[in-house]
Amino acid sequence: MTDEACRADVWLWRARFFKTRSLAAKFVDEGKVRLTRAGTETRIDKCARPVKIGDRLVFAVGGRLIAVTVEGLGDRRGPPAEARGLYAALEG
């Protein structure tokens, strides 16, 4: 993986949408995340698929629909304030 991309499961875990990376990986493997990059929408079906800055992700967790734009990839799973800096919520 390059510095410009991050595995989808790792990014979801670092951004604190999931408590564990294995939960994030299972969620992604089940095809529950939609990715929009350069105007093309696809469903992420493997946790190793890369997420890049500028990508838009849409998924449902806990009965809530979440739509975000990736603004950072992060180096670690940090505190919540740091995790919120990895994405911007899309108005919708």
C-alpha atoms as a PDB file:
ATOM      1  CA  MET A   1       0.000   0.000   0.000  1.00  0.00           C
ATOM      2  CA  THR A   2       1.308   3.460  -0.804  1.00  0.00           C
ATOM      3  CA  ASP A   3       1.235   6.589   1.342  1.00  0.00           C
ATOM      4  CA  GLU A   4      -1.704   7.847  -0.735  1.00  0.00           C
ATOM      5  CA  ALA A   5      -3.956   4.863   0.059  1.00  0.00           C
ATOM      6  CA  CYS A   6      -5.085   2.769   3.000  1.00  0.00           C
ATOM      7  CA  ARG A   7      -6.972  -0.537   3.286  1.00  0.00           C
ATOM      8  CA  ALA A   8     -10.711   0.066   3.641  1.00  0.00           C
ATOM      9  CA  ASP A   9     -11.007  -1.934   6.867  1.00  0.00           C
ATOM     10  CA  VAL A  10      -8.032  -0.185   8.443  1.00  0.00           C
ATOM     11  CA  TRP A  11      -9.392   3.262   7.548  1.00  0.00           C
ATOM     12  CA  LEU A  12     -12.861   2.505   8.967  1.00  0.00           C
ATOM     13  CA  TRP A  13     -11.217   1.270  12.178  1.00  0.00           C
ATOM     14  CA  ARG A  14      -8.864   4.286  12.445  1.00  0.00           C
ATOM     15  CA  ALA A  15     -11.799   6.650  11.852  1.00  0.00           C
ATOM     16  CA  ARG A  16     -13.544   4.898  14.783  1.00  0.00           C
ATOM     17  CA  PHE A  17     -16.607   3.668  12.937  1.00  0.00           C
ATOM     18  CA  PHE A  18     -15.841   0.182  14.328  1.00  0.00           C
ATOM     19  CA  LYS A  19     -14.385  -0.950  17.670  1.00  0.00           C
ATOM     20  CA  THR A  20     -12.136  -3.587  16.117  1.00  0.00           C
ATOM     21  CA  ARG A  21     -10.433  -4.007  12.779  1.00  0.00           C
ATOM     22  CA  SER A  22     -11.923  -7.493  12.413  1.00  0.00           C
ATOM     23  CA  LEU A  23     -15.457  -6.050  12.705  1.00  0.00           C
ATOM     24  CA  ALA A  24     -14.580  -3.486  10.035  1.00  0.00           C
ATOM     25  CA  ALA A  25     -13.109  -6.207   7.795  1.00  0.00           C
ATOM     26  CA  LYS A  26     -16.224  -8.382   8.124  1.00  0.00           C
ATOM     27  CA  PHE A  27     -18.465  -5.390   7.346  1.00  0.00           C
ATOM     28  CA  VAL A  28     -16.474  -4.539   4.201  1.00  0.00           C
ATOM     29  CA  ASP A  29     -16.269  -8.170   3.050  1.00  0.00           C
ATOM     30  CA  GLU A  30     -20.074  -8.376   3.194  1.00  0.00           C
ATOM     31  CA  GLY A  31     -20.217  -5.595   0.581  1.00  0.00           C
ATOM     32  CA  LYS A  32     -21.881  -3.022   2.822  1.00  0.00           C
ATOM     33  CA  VAL A  33     -19.721  -0.038   1.804  1.00  0.00           C
ATOM     34  CA  ARG A  34     -20.215   2.015  -1.361  1.00  0.00           C
ATOM     35  CA  LEU A  35     -17.233   3.937  -2.703  1.00  0.00           C
ATOM     36  CA  THR A  36     -17.393   6.878  -5.102  1.00  0.00           C
ATOM     37  CA  ARG A  37     -14.117   7.866  -6.750  1.00  0.00           C
ATOM     38  CA  ALA A  38     -13.838  10.198  -9.741  1.00  0.00           C
ATOM     39  CA  GLY A  39     -17.608  10.071 -10.275  1.00  0.00           C
ATOM     40  CA  THR A  40     -17.739   6.266 -10.434  1.00  0.00           C
ATOM     41  CA  GLU A  41     -19.629   4.420  -7.713  1.00  0.00           C
ATOM     42  CA  THR A  42     -18.660   0.860  -6.770  1.00  0.00           C
ATOM     43  CA  ARG A  43     -19.291  -1.468  -3.872  1.00  0.00           C
ATOM     44  CA  ILE A  44     -16.206  -2.430  -1.856  1.00  0.00           C
ATOM     45  CA  ASP A  45     -16.270  -6.203  -1.496  1.00  0.00           C
ATOM     46  CA  LYS A  46     -12.790  -6.911  -0.136  1.00  0.00           C
ATOM     47  CA  CYS A  47     -11.256  -5.336   2.935  1.00  0.00           C
ATOM     48  CA  ALA A  48      -7.899  -4.892   1.187  1.00  0.00           C
ATOM     49  CA  ARG A  49      -9.378  -2.482  -1.372  1.00  0.00           C
ATOM     50  CA  PRO A  50      -7.646   0.905  -1.117  1.00  0.00           C
ATOM     51  CA  VAL A  51      -9.301   4.073   0.130  1.00  0.00           C
ATOM     52  CA  LYS A  52      -7.761   7.352  -1.016  1.00  0.00           C
ATOM     53  CA  ILE A  53      -8.095  10.962   0.064  1.00  0.00           C
ATOM     54  CA  GLY A  54     -11.077  12.493  -1.724  1.00  0.00           C
ATOM     55  CA  ASP A  55     -13.056   9.236  -1.909  1.00  0.00           C
ATOM     56  CA  ARG A  56     -16.666   9.258  -0.746  1.00  0.00           C
ATOM     57  CA  LEU A  57     -17.951   6.373   1.344  1.00  0.00           C
ATOM     58  CA  VAL A  58     -21.570   5.529   2.151  1.00  0.00           C
ATOM     59  CA  PHE A  59     -22.564   2.802   4.613  1.00  0.00           C
ATOM     60  CA  ALA A  60     -25.091   2.075   7.348  1.00  0.00           C
ATOM     61  CA  VAL A  61     -24.033   1.320  10.930  1.00  0.00           C
ATOM     62  CA  GLY A  62     -26.385   0.898  13.842  1.00  0.00           C
ATOM     63  CA  GLY A  63     -29.408   1.944  11.827  1.00  0.00           C
ATOM     64  CA  ARG A  64     -27.784   5.217  10.710  1.00  0.00           C
ATOM     65  CA  LEU A  65     -26.755   6.019   7.150  1.00  0.00           C
ATOM     66  CA  ILE A  66     -23.251   7.476   7.129  1.00  0.00           C
ATOM     67  CA  ALA A  67     -21.872   9.413   4.150  1.00  0.00           C
ATOM     68  CA  VAL A  68     -18.347  10.799   4.432  1.00  0.00           C
ATOM     69  CA  THR A  69     -15.506  12.144   2.331  1.00  0.00           C
ATOM     70  CA  VAL A  70     -12.054  10.789   3.196  1.00  0.00           C
ATOM     71  CA  GLU A  71      -9.829  13.725   4.196  1.00  0.00           C
ATOM     72  CA  GLY A  72      -6.927  11.850   5.776  1.00  0.00           C
ATOM     73  CA  LEU A  73      -5.603   8.317   6.101  1.00  0.00           C
ATOM     74  CA  GLY A  74      -4.076   8.454   9.572  1.00  0.00           C
ATOM     75  CA  ASP A  75      -1.046   6.640  10.943  1.00  0.00           C
ATOM     76  CA  ARG A  76      -2.772   5.033  13.905  1.00  0.00           C
ATOM     77  CA  ARG A  77      -6.069   4.635  15.702  1.00  0.00           C
ATOM     78  CA  GLY A  78      -5.934   7.746  17.823  1.00  0.00           C
ATOM     79  CA  PRO A  79      -8.368   9.526  20.104  1.00  0.00           C
ATOM     80  CA  PRO A  80     -11.840  10.476  18.786  1.00  0.00           C
ATOM     81  CA  ALA A  81     -10.806  14.061  18.026  1.00  0.00           C
ATOM     82  CA  GLU A  82      -7.975  12.799  15.820  1.00  0.00           C
ATOM     83  CA  ALA A  83     -10.280  10.272  14.135  1.00  0.00           C
ATOM     84  CA  ARG A  84     -12.829  12.989  13.244  1.00  0.00           C
ATOM     85  CA  GLY A  85     -10.076  14.735  11.289  1.00  0.00           C
ATOM     86  CA  LEU A  86      -9.901  11.780   8.882  1.00  0.00           C
ATOM     87  CA  TYR A  87     -13.289  12.505   7.314  1.00  0.00           C
ATOM     88  CA  ALA A  88     -15.934  15.140   6.615  1.00  0.00           C
ATOM     89  CA  ALA A  89     -19.630  14.288   6.796  1.00  0.00           C
ATOM     90  CA  LEU A  90     -21.556  14.773   3.567  1.00  0.00           C
ATOM     91  CA  GLU A  91     -24.780  16.705   3.744  1.00  0.00           C
ATOM     92  CA  GLY A  92     -27.503  14.917   2.163  1.00  0.00           C
END
